Amino acid sequence: MNRTFLTLALCLTLPATLAPPAGAQQVASAHHNAKFLCLAPAGHTCQFEVRTNQGPIDFALPSGHRRVIGGITPNSDTYCVCDPGPVTPDCKAPRLDHWCLGHWLDVTPGLNSDNGPGEDRFAIQ
């Protein structure tokens, strides 16, 4: 009888001890890939900065090019894009002949710079 009880107890607790903690599953599922697109005029280069919990990700894209960045946490990580750059701490253009978004935006799944007037976002999920 003791052996039966011990076997039953072990069978009931073993799956819980082998499964990763719930927090780890949530963290792993929170990270996604995001595509960034440069829609600057031909011959220009967009400077991007994505602020993540792991630190900033800086990269440049020529006009018309896309880049996929992994490890993004949607609605938590933020980004700024400037042309020609650099990306400034307040995401505002440093000079009159520069352009920046004007404020840091959340990386949000489903938003795209191709989605129409007034919705000039540069990240797509």
N, C-alpha and C. Protein backbone atom coordinates (compact mmCIF):
# COMPACT_ATOMS: atom_id res chain seq x y z
N MET A 1 0.81 -1.19 0.00
CA MET A 1 0.00 0.00 0.00
C MET A 1 0.85 1.26 0.00
N ASN A 2 1.91 1.26 0.80
CA ASN A 2 2.81 2.42 0.83
C ASN A 2 3.45 2.65 -0.54
N ARG A 3 3.80 1.55 -1.20
CA ARG A 3 4.41 1.66 -2.52
C ARG A 3 3.41 2.25 -3.52
N THR A 4 2.15 1.85 -3.45
CA THR A 4 1.11 2.37 -4.33
C THR A 4 0.91 3.86 -4.09
N PHE A 5 0.84 4.26 -2.84
CA PHE A 5 0.67 5.67 -2.50
C PHE A 5 1.86 6.50 -2.99
N LEU A 6 3.08 6.00 -2.77
CA LEU A 6 4.29 6.70 -3.20
C LEU A 6 4.32 6.83 -4.72
N THR A 7 3.95 5.78 -5.45
CA THR A 7 3.91 5.82 -6.91
C THR A 7 2.89 6.83 -7.39
N LEU A 8 1.71 6.85 -6.79
CA LEU A 8 0.67 7.79 -7.16
C LEU A 8 1.12 9.23 -6.88
N ALA A 9 1.71 9.48 -5.75
CA ALA A 9 2.18 10.83 -5.40
C ALA A 9 3.26 11.28 -6.38
N LEU A 10 4.16 10.39 -6.72
CA LEU A 10 5.23 10.72 -7.65
C LEU A 10 4.68 11.04 -9.04
N CYS A 11 3.70 10.25 -9.49
CA CYS A 11 3.09 10.48 -10.81
C CYS A 11 2.34 11.81 -10.86
N LEU A 12 1.75 12.22 -9.76
CA LEU A 12 1.01 13.48 -9.74
C LEU A 12 1.92 14.70 -9.67
N THR A 13 3.08 14.57 -9.02
CA THR A 13 3.96 15.74 -8.86
C THR A 13 5.03 15.84 -9.93
N LEU A 14 5.38 14.73 -10.56
CA LEU A 14 6.46 14.75 -11.55
C LEU A 14 6.21 15.70 -12.72
N PRO A 15 5.02 15.71 -13.34
CA PRO A 15 4.82 16.65 -14.45
C PRO A 15 5.01 18.11 -14.04
N ALA A 16 4.61 18.47 -12.85
CA ALA A 16 4.76 19.85 -12.40
C ALA A 16 6.22 20.20 -12.18
N THR A 17 7.02 19.24 -11.72
CA THR A 17 8.43 19.54 -11.48
C THR A 17 9.23 19.56 -12.78
N LEU A 18 8.78 18.87 -13.80
CA LEU A 18 9.49 18.87 -15.07
C LEU A 18 9.12 20.05 -15.97
N ALA A 19 7.97 20.65 -15.76
CA ALA A 19 7.53 21.77 -16.59
C ALA A 19 8.29 23.03 -16.18
N PRO A 20 8.60 23.90 -17.15
CA PRO A 20 9.25 25.15 -16.79
C PRO A 20 8.30 26.02 -15.98
N PRO A 21 8.84 26.89 -15.13
CA PRO A 21 7.97 27.76 -14.34
C PRO A 21 7.08 28.61 -15.24
N ALA A 22 5.90 28.93 -14.76
CA ALA A 22 4.94 29.72 -15.56
C ALA A 22 5.54 31.04 -15.98
N GLY A 23 6.31 31.67 -15.11
CA GLY A 23 6.93 32.95 -15.45
C GLY A 23 7.88 32.82 -16.63
N ALA A 24 8.62 31.72 -16.70
CA ALA A 24 9.55 31.51 -17.81
C ALA A 24 8.80 31.33 -19.11
N GLN A 25 7.65 30.62 -19.07
CA GLN A 25 6.86 30.44 -20.28
C GLN A 25 6.32 31.78 -20.76
N GLN A 26 5.88 32.64 -19.85
CA GLN A 26 5.34 33.94 -20.23
C GLN A 26 6.43 34.82 -20.82
N VAL A 27 7.62 34.80 -20.23
CA VAL A 27 8.71 35.62 -20.76
C VAL A 27 9.10 35.15 -22.15
N ALA A 28 9.20 33.83 -22.34
CA ALA A 28 9.59 33.30 -23.64
C ALA A 28 8.57 33.65 -24.71
N SER A 29 7.29 33.60 -24.36
CA SER A 29 6.26 33.87 -25.35
C SER A 29 6.08 35.37 -25.60
N ALA A 30 6.66 36.21 -24.76
CA ALA A 30 6.49 37.66 -24.91
C ALA A 30 7.40 38.23 -25.99
N HIS A 31 8.42 37.51 -26.39
CA HIS A 31 9.38 38.02 -27.37
C HIS A 31 8.95 37.63 -28.79
N HIS A 32 9.04 38.60 -29.69
CA HIS A 32 8.64 38.40 -31.07
C HIS A 32 9.68 39.01 -32.00
N ASN A 33 9.51 38.74 -33.27
CA ASN A 33 10.27 39.42 -34.30
C ASN A 33 9.46 40.62 -34.77
N ALA A 34 10.13 41.69 -35.11
CA ALA A 34 9.46 42.86 -35.67
C ALA A 34 10.23 43.29 -36.90
N LYS A 35 9.50 43.67 -37.96
CA LYS A 35 10.11 44.16 -39.19
C LYS A 35 10.11 45.68 -39.16
N PHE A 36 11.25 46.25 -39.49
CA PHE A 36 11.38 47.70 -39.59
C PHE A 36 11.64 48.06 -41.04
N LEU A 37 11.07 49.15 -41.48
CA LEU A 37 11.11 49.57 -42.87
C LEU A 37 11.52 51.03 -42.95
N CYS A 38 12.43 51.36 -43.88
CA CYS A 38 12.82 52.75 -44.11
C CYS A 38 12.06 53.29 -45.30
N LEU A 39 11.23 54.30 -45.06
CA LEU A 39 10.45 54.93 -46.13
C LEU A 39 10.96 56.33 -46.45
N ALA A 40 12.23 56.57 -46.17
CA ALA A 40 12.82 57.86 -46.49
C ALA A 40 12.94 58.00 -48.02
N PRO A 41 13.11 59.22 -48.52
CA PRO A 41 13.29 59.39 -49.96
C PRO A 41 14.51 58.62 -50.48
N ALA A 42 14.50 58.29 -51.75
CA ALA A 42 15.61 57.54 -52.36
C ALA A 42 16.94 58.22 -52.06
N GLY A 43 17.92 57.40 -51.75
CA GLY A 43 19.25 57.90 -51.45
C GLY A 43 19.47 58.25 -49.98
N HIS A 44 18.43 58.19 -49.17
CA HIS A 44 18.54 58.49 -47.74
C HIS A 44 18.75 57.20 -46.95
N THR A 45 19.18 57.36 -45.71
CA THR A 45 19.36 56.23 -44.80
C THR A 45 18.68 56.55 -43.48
N CYS A 46 17.81 55.65 -43.05
CA CYS A 46 17.13 55.80 -41.76
C CYS A 46 18.02 55.24 -40.65
N GLN A 47 18.09 55.95 -39.55
CA GLN A 47 18.79 55.48 -38.35
C GLN A 47 17.73 55.08 -37.34
N PHE A 48 17.78 53.83 -36.87
CA PHE A 48 16.81 53.31 -35.92
C PHE A 48 17.47 53.06 -34.58
N GLU A 49 16.69 53.23 -33.52
CA GLU A 49 17.07 52.72 -32.20
C GLU A 49 15.83 52.09 -31.60
N VAL A 50 16.00 50.84 -31.14
CA VAL A 50 14.93 50.12 -30.45
C VAL A 50 15.40 49.94 -29.02
N ARG A 51 14.62 50.44 -28.07
CA ARG A 51 14.95 50.30 -26.65
C ARG A 51 14.25 49.07 -26.11
N THR A 52 15.06 48.10 -25.65
CA THR A 52 14.54 46.85 -25.10
C THR A 52 15.04 46.70 -23.67
N ASN A 53 14.49 45.73 -22.95
CA ASN A 53 14.96 45.44 -21.59
C ASN A 53 16.40 44.95 -21.60
N GLN A 54 16.84 44.37 -22.71
CA GLN A 54 18.21 43.87 -22.82
C GLN A 54 19.19 44.97 -23.22
N GLY A 55 18.69 46.14 -23.57
CA GLY A 55 19.54 47.25 -23.99
C GLY A 55 19.12 47.73 -25.36
N PRO A 56 19.70 48.85 -25.81
CA PRO A 56 19.30 49.41 -27.10
C PRO A 56 19.85 48.60 -28.28
N ILE A 57 19.06 48.60 -29.36
CA ILE A 57 19.49 48.00 -30.62
C ILE A 57 19.51 49.14 -31.64
N ASP A 58 20.70 49.46 -32.15
CA ASP A 58 20.86 50.53 -33.13
C ASP A 58 21.21 49.93 -34.48
N PHE A 59 20.57 50.45 -35.54
CA PHE A 59 20.90 49.98 -36.89
C PHE A 59 20.46 51.02 -37.90
N ALA A 60 21.04 50.92 -39.08
CA ALA A 60 20.71 51.83 -40.19
C ALA A 60 20.12 51.02 -41.33
N LEU A 61 19.18 51.64 -42.06
CA LEU A 61 18.58 51.00 -43.23
C LEU A 61 18.53 52.00 -44.38
N PRO A 62 18.98 51.61 -45.56
CA PRO A 62 18.80 52.47 -46.73
C PRO A 62 17.32 52.55 -47.10
N SER A 63 16.96 53.60 -47.77
CA SER A 63 15.57 53.79 -48.19
C SER A 63 15.04 52.56 -48.92
N GLY A 64 13.83 52.14 -48.54
CA GLY A 64 13.17 51.00 -49.18
C GLY A 64 13.55 49.65 -48.62
N HIS A 65 14.50 49.58 -47.69
CA HIS A 65 14.93 48.30 -47.14
C HIS A 65 14.19 48.00 -45.84
N ARG A 66 14.10 46.69 -45.54
CA ARG A 66 13.48 46.19 -44.32
C ARG A 66 14.51 45.38 -43.55
N ARG A 67 14.28 45.30 -42.24
CA ARG A 67 15.13 44.46 -41.39
C ARG A 67 14.27 43.86 -40.29
N VAL A 68 14.48 42.57 -40.02
CA VAL A 68 13.78 41.88 -38.94
C VAL A 68 14.68 41.89 -37.72
N ILE A 69 14.10 42.31 -36.60
CA ILE A 69 14.81 42.33 -35.32
C ILE A 69 14.08 41.35 -34.39
N GLY A 70 14.83 40.45 -33.79
CA GLY A 70 14.26 39.47 -32.88
C GLY A 70 14.34 39.91 -31.43
N GLY A 71 13.62 39.20 -30.57
CA GLY A 71 13.67 39.48 -29.14
C GLY A 71 12.90 40.71 -28.72
N ILE A 72 11.93 41.13 -29.53
CA ILE A 72 11.15 42.33 -29.25
C ILE A 72 9.97 41.97 -28.35
N THR A 73 9.70 42.81 -27.36
CA THR A 73 8.52 42.67 -26.51
C THR A 73 7.52 43.73 -26.94
N PRO A 74 6.47 43.33 -27.66
CA PRO A 74 5.48 44.30 -28.14
C PRO A 74 4.84 45.08 -27.00
N ASN A 75 4.54 46.34 -27.29
CA ASN A 75 3.88 47.25 -26.35
C ASN A 75 4.71 47.54 -25.11
N SER A 76 5.96 47.10 -25.10
CA SER A 76 6.88 47.40 -24.00
C SER A 76 8.13 48.06 -24.57
N ASP A 77 8.70 47.45 -25.62
CA ASP A 77 9.87 48.03 -26.26
C ASP A 77 9.43 49.23 -27.10
N THR A 78 10.30 50.21 -27.20
CA THR A 78 9.98 51.42 -27.96
C THR A 78 11.03 51.63 -29.04
N TYR A 79 10.68 52.44 -30.03
CA TYR A 79 11.62 52.73 -31.10
C TYR A 79 11.49 54.17 -31.57
N CYS A 80 12.57 54.63 -32.20
CA CYS A 80 12.62 55.94 -32.83
C CYS A 80 13.38 55.75 -34.14
N VAL A 81 13.02 56.54 -35.12
CA VAL A 81 13.74 56.53 -36.40
C VAL A 81 13.97 57.97 -36.82
N CYS A 82 15.17 58.22 -37.32
CA CYS A 82 15.55 59.54 -37.79
C CYS A 82 16.22 59.42 -39.16
N ASP A 83 16.12 60.48 -39.93
CA ASP A 83 16.76 60.55 -41.24
C ASP A 83 17.42 61.91 -41.36
N PRO A 84 18.70 62.00 -41.49
CA PRO A 84 19.67 60.92 -41.63
C PRO A 84 20.18 60.40 -40.30
N GLY A 85 19.87 60.99 -39.23
CA GLY A 85 20.33 60.54 -37.93
C GLY A 85 21.16 61.63 -37.28
N PRO A 86 21.61 61.45 -36.13
CA PRO A 86 21.46 60.28 -35.27
C PRO A 86 20.11 60.30 -34.55
N VAL A 87 19.76 59.17 -33.93
CA VAL A 87 18.58 59.12 -33.08
C VAL A 87 18.93 59.87 -31.80
N THR A 88 18.08 60.78 -31.42
CA THR A 88 18.32 61.62 -30.25
C THR A 88 17.56 61.07 -29.04
N PRO A 89 17.97 61.41 -27.82
CA PRO A 89 17.28 60.90 -26.63
C PRO A 89 15.79 61.23 -26.59
N ASP A 90 15.40 62.39 -27.14
CA ASP A 90 13.97 62.77 -27.13
C ASP A 90 13.27 62.44 -28.45
N CYS A 91 13.99 61.81 -29.39
CA CYS A 91 13.45 61.41 -30.70
C CYS A 91 12.98 62.63 -31.51
N LYS A 92 13.64 63.75 -31.31
CA LYS A 92 13.31 64.96 -32.08
C LYS A 92 14.51 65.30 -32.97
N ALA A 93 14.24 65.88 -34.12
CA ALA A 93 15.30 66.22 -35.07
C ALA A 93 16.29 67.19 -34.44
N PRO A 94 17.60 66.90 -34.55
CA PRO A 94 18.60 67.77 -33.93
C PRO A 94 18.82 69.07 -34.72
N ARG A 95 18.47 69.06 -36.02
CA ARG A 95 18.67 70.24 -36.88
C ARG A 95 17.49 70.36 -37.83
N LEU A 96 17.36 71.51 -38.47
CA LEU A 96 16.26 71.74 -39.39
C LEU A 96 16.31 70.84 -40.62
N ASP A 97 17.50 70.43 -41.04
CA ASP A 97 17.61 69.58 -42.23
C ASP A 97 17.56 68.08 -41.90
N HIS A 98 17.15 67.74 -40.68
CA HIS A 98 16.99 66.36 -40.24
C HIS A 98 15.51 66.10 -39.98
N TRP A 99 15.14 64.80 -39.93
CA TRP A 99 13.78 64.40 -39.61
C TRP A 99 13.83 63.27 -38.59
N CYS A 100 12.95 63.32 -37.59
CA CYS A 100 12.77 62.23 -36.63
C CYS A 100 11.28 62.07 -36.37
N LEU A 101 10.90 60.91 -35.84
CA LEU A 101 9.49 60.66 -35.53
C LEU A 101 8.90 61.73 -34.62
N GLY A 102 9.68 62.23 -33.69
CA GLY A 102 9.21 63.26 -32.78
C GLY A 102 8.91 62.75 -31.38
N HIS A 103 8.71 61.43 -31.24
CA HIS A 103 8.53 60.81 -29.93
C HIS A 103 8.76 59.31 -30.06
N TRP A 104 9.09 58.69 -28.94
CA TRP A 104 9.32 57.25 -28.91
C TRP A 104 7.98 56.53 -29.00
N LEU A 105 7.91 55.53 -29.85
CA LEU A 105 6.68 54.76 -30.06
C LEU A 105 6.86 53.32 -29.58
N ASP A 106 5.77 52.74 -29.07
CA ASP A 106 5.79 51.32 -28.73
C ASP A 106 5.89 50.50 -30.01
N VAL A 107 6.66 49.44 -29.97
CA VAL A 107 6.65 48.48 -31.07
C VAL A 107 5.35 47.69 -30.89
N THR A 108 4.41 47.89 -31.80
CA THR A 108 3.06 47.32 -31.68
C THR A 108 2.79 46.38 -32.85
N PRO A 109 2.41 45.13 -32.56
CA PRO A 109 2.12 44.20 -33.66
C PRO A 109 1.03 44.72 -34.58
N GLY A 110 1.25 44.57 -35.88
CA GLY A 110 0.24 44.91 -36.87
C GLY A 110 0.33 46.31 -37.44
N LEU A 111 1.13 47.18 -36.86
CA LEU A 111 1.24 48.52 -37.42
C LEU A 111 2.31 48.52 -38.50
N ASN A 112 2.07 49.27 -39.57
CA ASN A 112 2.97 49.24 -40.71
C ASN A 112 3.05 50.64 -41.31
N SER A 113 4.20 50.99 -41.80
CA SER A 113 4.37 52.30 -42.41
C SER A 113 3.63 52.40 -43.74
N ASP A 114 3.14 51.28 -44.26
CA ASP A 114 2.39 51.29 -45.52
C ASP A 114 0.88 51.39 -45.30
N ASN A 115 0.42 51.61 -44.07
CA ASN A 115 -1.01 51.46 -43.81
C ASN A 115 -1.83 52.72 -43.99
N GLY A 116 -1.35 53.71 -44.65
CA GLY A 116 -2.19 54.85 -44.99
C GLY A 116 -1.74 56.15 -44.37
N PRO A 117 -2.32 57.23 -44.84
CA PRO A 117 -1.96 58.57 -44.35
C PRO A 117 -2.23 58.69 -42.84
N GLY A 118 -1.33 59.38 -42.18
CA GLY A 118 -1.49 59.60 -40.75
C GLY A 118 -1.11 58.44 -39.89
N GLU A 119 -0.76 57.32 -40.48
CA GLU A 119 -0.35 56.15 -39.70
C GLU A 119 1.02 55.70 -40.18
N ASP A 120 1.97 56.62 -40.12
CA ASP A 120 3.30 56.39 -40.67
C ASP A 120 4.21 55.71 -39.66
N ARG A 121 3.82 54.54 -39.21
CA ARG A 121 4.64 53.77 -38.28
C ARG A 121 5.67 52.98 -39.10
N PHE A 122 6.78 52.69 -38.46
CA PHE A 122 7.86 52.02 -39.16
C PHE A 122 8.08 50.59 -38.67
N ALA A 123 7.20 50.05 -37.88
CA ALA A 123 7.36 48.67 -37.40
C ALA A 123 6.13 47.87 -37.77
N ILE A 124 6.36 46.64 -38.17
CA ILE A 124 5.25 45.73 -38.51
C ILE A 124 5.54 44.41 -37.84
N GLN A 125 4.54 43.76 -37.34
CA GLN A 125 4.70 42.46 -36.69
C GLN A 125 4.21 41.39 -37.62
